[in-house]
Amino acid sequence: MPSVKNPNFTSKNRVAVRAAKLKAQRRKQSDAGRAAAVLGAAALAKTDLRRGARPGLLPTSGPNRALSRKKARKLEKQMAHALKRKMAAEGEVDMKDAPAGKSTNGEKMAKTRQAQAEVDVEMDVEWWKRPETQDSP
């Protein structure tokens, strides 16, 4: 014997709960659709939306999870190496005589100051070379 009053139809409570659940699902999907319209290329995939993903939150497992710092460094090295191989295959050659190390901000500022000083000196020399600026007796 069933443990409900009338087994031939669903109770009001069950109907209300089912309706609320469907309403919440529809609201989630429409919010995701609005987010996709606003975010454009940064929008989430449908599969991610189905599992409940939101913009800015990454899963802790699976293919879309955030990379660890170590893995990110390894991938960056691999991509740089692949780019070098591609450039070598295309015939592009690195400049061997160029300084390989990264220049610091202080070195860049010093070079800029030196270049500016050379330009100023050249301008001063040219100014004194012009005949109209010299006093004639």
Protein backbone atom coordinates (compact mmCIF):
# COMPACT_ATOMS: atom_id res chain seq x y z
CA MET A 1 0.00 0.00 0.00
CA PRO A 2 1.43 3.44 -0.91
CA SER A 3 2.22 5.77 1.93
CA VAL A 4 0.55 8.83 0.37
CA LYS A 5 -3.06 9.96 0.53
CA ASN A 6 -3.85 9.64 -3.16
CA PRO A 7 -1.27 7.78 -5.30
CA ASN A 8 -2.99 8.74 -8.57
CA PHE A 9 -1.64 12.32 -8.75
CA THR A 10 1.27 14.33 -7.38
CA SER A 11 0.71 16.44 -4.30
CA LYS A 12 0.68 20.25 -4.33
CA ASN A 13 3.97 20.32 -2.44
CA ARG A 14 5.76 18.15 -5.00
CA VAL A 15 4.34 20.20 -7.88
CA ALA A 16 5.50 23.43 -6.22
CA VAL A 17 8.99 22.07 -5.56
CA ARG A 18 9.33 20.81 -9.14
CA ALA A 19 8.18 24.20 -10.51
CA ALA A 20 10.61 26.08 -8.29
CA LYS A 21 13.48 23.85 -9.41
CA LEU A 22 12.69 24.36 -13.09
CA LYS A 23 12.31 28.10 -12.53
CA ALA A 24 15.75 28.26 -10.91
CA GLN A 25 17.29 26.33 -13.82
CA ARG A 26 15.71 28.67 -16.37
CA ARG A 27 16.93 31.70 -14.41
CA LYS A 28 20.48 30.30 -14.34
CA GLN A 29 20.43 29.70 -18.10
CA SER A 30 19.11 33.17 -18.89
CA ASP A 31 21.69 34.78 -16.58
CA ALA A 32 24.38 32.80 -18.37
CA GLY A 33 23.00 33.92 -21.73
CA ARG A 34 23.10 37.55 -20.60
CA ALA A 35 26.65 37.08 -19.35
CA ALA A 36 27.65 35.57 -22.71
CA ALA A 37 26.16 38.56 -24.53
CA VAL A 38 28.05 40.98 -22.30
CA LEU A 39 31.36 39.11 -22.12
CA GLY A 40 31.50 38.02 -25.76
CA ALA A 41 34.68 36.02 -26.34
CA ALA A 42 35.26 35.57 -22.62
CA ALA A 43 31.90 33.81 -22.24
CA LEU A 44 31.71 30.34 -20.78
CA ALA A 45 31.02 27.25 -22.84
CA LYS A 46 27.64 25.56 -22.61
CA THR A 47 29.12 22.51 -20.95
CA ASP A 48 30.72 24.68 -18.29
CA LEU A 49 27.43 26.49 -17.72
CA ARG A 50 25.65 23.16 -17.26
CA ARG A 51 27.99 22.19 -14.46
CA GLY A 52 27.32 25.53 -12.76
CA ALA A 53 30.38 27.57 -13.76
CA ARG A 54 30.35 31.34 -13.40
CA PRO A 55 32.66 33.97 -14.90
CA GLY A 56 35.87 34.28 -12.92
CA LEU A 57 35.61 30.86 -11.25
CA LEU A 58 37.72 28.03 -12.60
CA PRO A 59 37.15 24.35 -11.86
CA THR A 60 39.61 22.55 -9.60
CA SER A 61 39.90 19.58 -11.95
CA GLY A 62 39.44 18.76 -15.60
CA PRO A 63 40.79 20.40 -18.75
CA ASN A 64 39.71 23.94 -17.81
CA ARG A 65 41.33 24.02 -14.37
CA ALA A 66 43.84 26.72 -13.49
CA LEU A 67 47.45 25.81 -14.22
CA SER A 68 49.95 25.60 -11.42
CA ARG A 69 52.83 28.10 -11.55
CA LYS A 70 55.28 25.27 -12.24
CA LYS A 71 53.22 23.89 -15.13
CA ALA A 72 52.74 27.39 -16.55
CA ARG A 73 56.52 27.96 -16.57
CA LYS A 74 57.09 24.61 -18.27
CA LEU A 75 54.50 25.37 -20.95
CA GLU A 76 56.02 28.81 -21.52
CA LYS A 77 59.45 27.24 -22.05
CA GLN A 78 57.98 24.66 -24.43
CA MET A 79 56.22 27.35 -26.47
CA ALA A 80 59.39 29.46 -26.66
CA HIS A 81 61.38 26.44 -27.83
CA ALA A 82 58.74 25.59 -30.44
CA LEU A 83 58.81 29.19 -31.68
CA LYS A 84 62.61 29.04 -32.04
CA ARG A 85 62.34 25.77 -33.99
CA LYS A 86 59.71 27.30 -36.26
CA MET A 87 61.83 30.40 -36.89
CA ALA A 88 64.86 28.20 -37.66
CA ALA A 89 62.79 26.16 -40.10
CA GLU A 90 61.61 29.33 -41.85
CA GLY A 91 65.18 30.58 -42.12
CA GLU A 92 65.02 33.46 -39.67
CA VAL A 93 68.22 33.83 -37.68
CA ASP A 94 68.73 35.37 -34.25
CA MET A 95 71.17 38.25 -33.95
CA LYS A 96 74.24 36.82 -32.23
CA ASP A 97 75.95 40.15 -31.43
CA ALA A 98 72.92 41.69 -29.72
CA PRO A 99 72.96 41.66 -25.91
CA ALA A 100 70.98 38.65 -24.77
CA GLY A 101 70.27 39.77 -21.20
CA LYS A 102 67.28 41.84 -20.25
CA SER A 103 68.09 45.48 -19.66
CA THR A 104 66.92 47.04 -16.45
CA ASN A 105 64.89 50.18 -16.18
CA GLY A 106 67.94 52.12 -14.97
CA GLU A 107 69.96 51.08 -18.02
CA LYS A 108 67.13 52.13 -20.32
CA MET A 109 66.89 55.53 -18.63
CA ALA A 110 70.67 56.01 -18.87
CA LYS A 111 70.63 55.20 -22.59
CA THR A 112 67.75 57.62 -23.13
CA ARG A 113 69.56 60.39 -21.25
CA GLN A 114 72.75 59.76 -23.22
CA ALA A 115 70.90 59.87 -26.55
CA GLN A 116 69.12 63.08 -25.50
CA ALA A 117 72.45 64.65 -24.49
CA GLU A 118 73.98 63.76 -27.87
CA VAL A 119 71.04 65.34 -29.67
CA ASP A 120 71.34 68.49 -27.53
CA VAL A 121 75.08 68.73 -28.24
CA GLU A 122 74.51 68.29 -31.98
CA MET A 123 71.87 71.00 -31.94
CA ASP A 124 74.18 73.38 -30.05
CA VAL A 125 77.02 72.75 -32.51
CA GLU A 126 74.75 73.36 -35.48
CA TRP A 127 73.45 76.57 -33.92
CA TRP A 128 76.98 77.99 -33.62
CA LYS A 129 77.85 76.93 -37.15
CA ARG A 130 75.13 79.05 -38.74
CA PRO A 131 76.54 82.32 -40.17
CA GLU A 132 73.53 84.50 -39.29
CA THR A 133 74.02 83.89 -35.59
CA GLN A 134 77.61 85.04 -35.55
CA ASP A 135 78.28 88.70 -34.95
CA SER A 136 80.02 90.28 -37.89
CA PRO A 137 82.14 93.47 -37.32
